[in-house]
């Protein structure tokens, strides 16, 4: 039975496409072939192509492995590093939950 990808919001699809395109452009700027990049990342050329298209069905681990191959692994650490909204909420002293409550609990 094939994996089913949950439906995504259009904004999510656009972000993934841009992310994939950014990875593709980084590879091309480095003048590295898709074959060599996929070999170094330990994935198939087909998977790399899917990554560069922003496919949601490719695991995050594979995306990161390609970033490592291109020397861009530190960029992933920038995600949510400057959480402006979170800092504002924290500064206001609002109660924030560590995790979502279970169904039926308040």
Protein backbone atom coordinates (compact mmCIF):
# COMPACT_ATOMS: atom_id res chain seq x y z
CA UNK A 1 0.00 0.00 0.00
CA UNK A 2 1.55 3.35 -1.03
CA UNK A 3 2.04 6.13 1.48
CA UNK A 4 -0.64 8.79 1.54
CA UNK A 5 0.42 12.37 1.87
CA UNK A 6 -2.07 14.46 3.83
CA UNK A 7 -3.63 17.38 1.95
CA UNK A 8 -1.60 20.56 2.30
CA UNK A 9 -2.60 24.20 2.44
CA UNK A 10 -1.71 26.13 -0.73
CA UNK A 11 0.69 28.28 1.31
CA UNK A 12 2.52 25.12 2.46
CA UNK A 13 2.80 23.88 -1.11
CA UNK A 14 4.24 27.24 -2.21
CA UNK A 15 6.80 27.19 0.62
CA UNK A 16 7.92 23.66 -0.28
CA UNK A 17 8.26 24.62 -3.96
CA UNK A 18 10.37 27.64 -3.05
CA UNK A 19 12.49 25.53 -0.67
CA UNK A 20 13.08 22.95 -3.41
CA UNK A 21 13.95 25.64 -5.93
CA UNK A 22 16.40 27.21 -3.47
CA UNK A 23 18.10 23.83 -3.05
CA UNK A 24 18.24 23.37 -6.83
CA UNK A 25 19.73 26.82 -7.37
CA UNK A 26 22.33 26.23 -4.64
CA UNK A 27 23.36 22.99 -6.38
CA UNK A 28 23.59 24.69 -9.76
CA UNK A 29 25.61 27.62 -8.37
CA UNK A 30 28.08 25.06 -7.06
CA UNK A 31 28.15 23.45 -10.52
CA UNK A 32 27.42 20.00 -9.07
CA UNK A 33 25.42 17.49 -11.08
CA UNK A 34 22.23 15.92 -9.80
CA UNK A 35 23.87 12.51 -10.05
CA UNK A 36 26.85 13.51 -7.91
CA UNK A 37 24.66 15.30 -5.36
CA UNK A 38 22.36 12.30 -5.03
CA UNK A 39 25.31 9.91 -4.65
CA UNK A 40 26.85 12.06 -1.93
CA UNK A 41 23.51 12.38 -0.14
CA UNK A 42 22.84 8.65 -0.40
CA UNK A 43 19.57 9.07 -2.29
CA UNK A 44 18.41 8.38 -5.82
CA UNK A 45 18.40 11.00 -8.58
CA UNK A 46 14.60 10.62 -8.65
CA UNK A 47 14.42 11.55 -4.94
CA UNK A 48 16.69 14.55 -5.52
CA UNK A 49 14.44 15.64 -8.38
CA UNK A 50 11.44 15.38 -6.06
CA UNK A 51 13.27 17.45 -3.42
CA UNK A 52 14.09 20.13 -5.98
CA UNK A 53 10.40 20.22 -6.94
CA UNK A 54 9.41 20.62 -3.28
CA UNK A 55 7.63 17.31 -2.92
CA UNK A 56 5.95 16.86 0.48
CA UNK A 57 6.29 13.08 0.21
CA UNK A 58 10.10 13.17 0.62
CA UNK A 59 11.28 12.89 4.21
CA UNK A 60 12.73 15.88 5.98
CA UNK A 61 15.83 13.77 6.62
CA UNK A 62 16.47 13.54 2.89
CA UNK A 63 16.05 17.29 2.47
CA UNK A 64 18.58 17.86 5.26
CA UNK A 65 20.98 15.27 3.82
CA UNK A 66 21.04 17.24 0.55
CA UNK A 67 21.67 20.45 2.50
CA UNK A 68 24.61 18.73 4.24
CA UNK A 69 25.93 17.63 0.86
CA UNK A 70 25.79 21.24 -0.37
CA UNK A 71 27.35 22.61 2.83
CA UNK A 72 24.13 24.37 3.88
CA UNK A 73 23.21 22.29 6.93
CA UNK A 74 23.55 25.24 9.32
CA UNK A 75 20.78 27.08 7.48
CA UNK A 76 18.16 24.65 8.79
CA UNK A 77 19.02 25.78 12.33
CA UNK A 78 17.76 29.26 11.49
CA UNK A 79 14.20 27.96 11.37
CA UNK A 80 12.25 29.41 14.31
CA UNK A 81 15.47 30.79 15.83
CA UNK A 82 14.04 34.31 15.84
CA UNK A 83 10.50 33.58 17.02
CA UNK A 84 9.26 37.15 17.20
CA UNK A 85 5.66 36.27 18.08
CA UNK A 86 6.75 33.76 20.71
CA UNK A 87 9.03 36.31 22.34
CA UNK A 88 6.24 38.91 22.40
CA UNK A 89 3.88 36.42 24.05
CA UNK A 90 6.56 35.51 26.56
CA UNK A 91 7.21 39.18 27.32
CA UNK A 92 3.51 39.78 27.92
CA UNK A 93 3.56 37.06 30.55
CA UNK A 94 0.79 35.14 28.87
CA UNK A 95 0.41 31.56 29.93
CA UNK A 96 1.72 29.31 27.16
CA UNK A 97 1.25 25.58 27.10
CA UNK A 98 4.17 23.25 26.68
CA UNK A 99 2.00 20.90 24.66
CA UNK A 100 -1.56 20.63 23.48
CA UNK A 101 -4.13 19.28 25.88
CA UNK A 102 -5.57 15.82 25.32
CA UNK A 103 -9.02 15.61 23.78
CA UNK A 104 -11.71 16.19 26.36
CA UNK A 105 -9.37 17.98 28.79
CA UNK A 106 -9.28 21.68 29.32
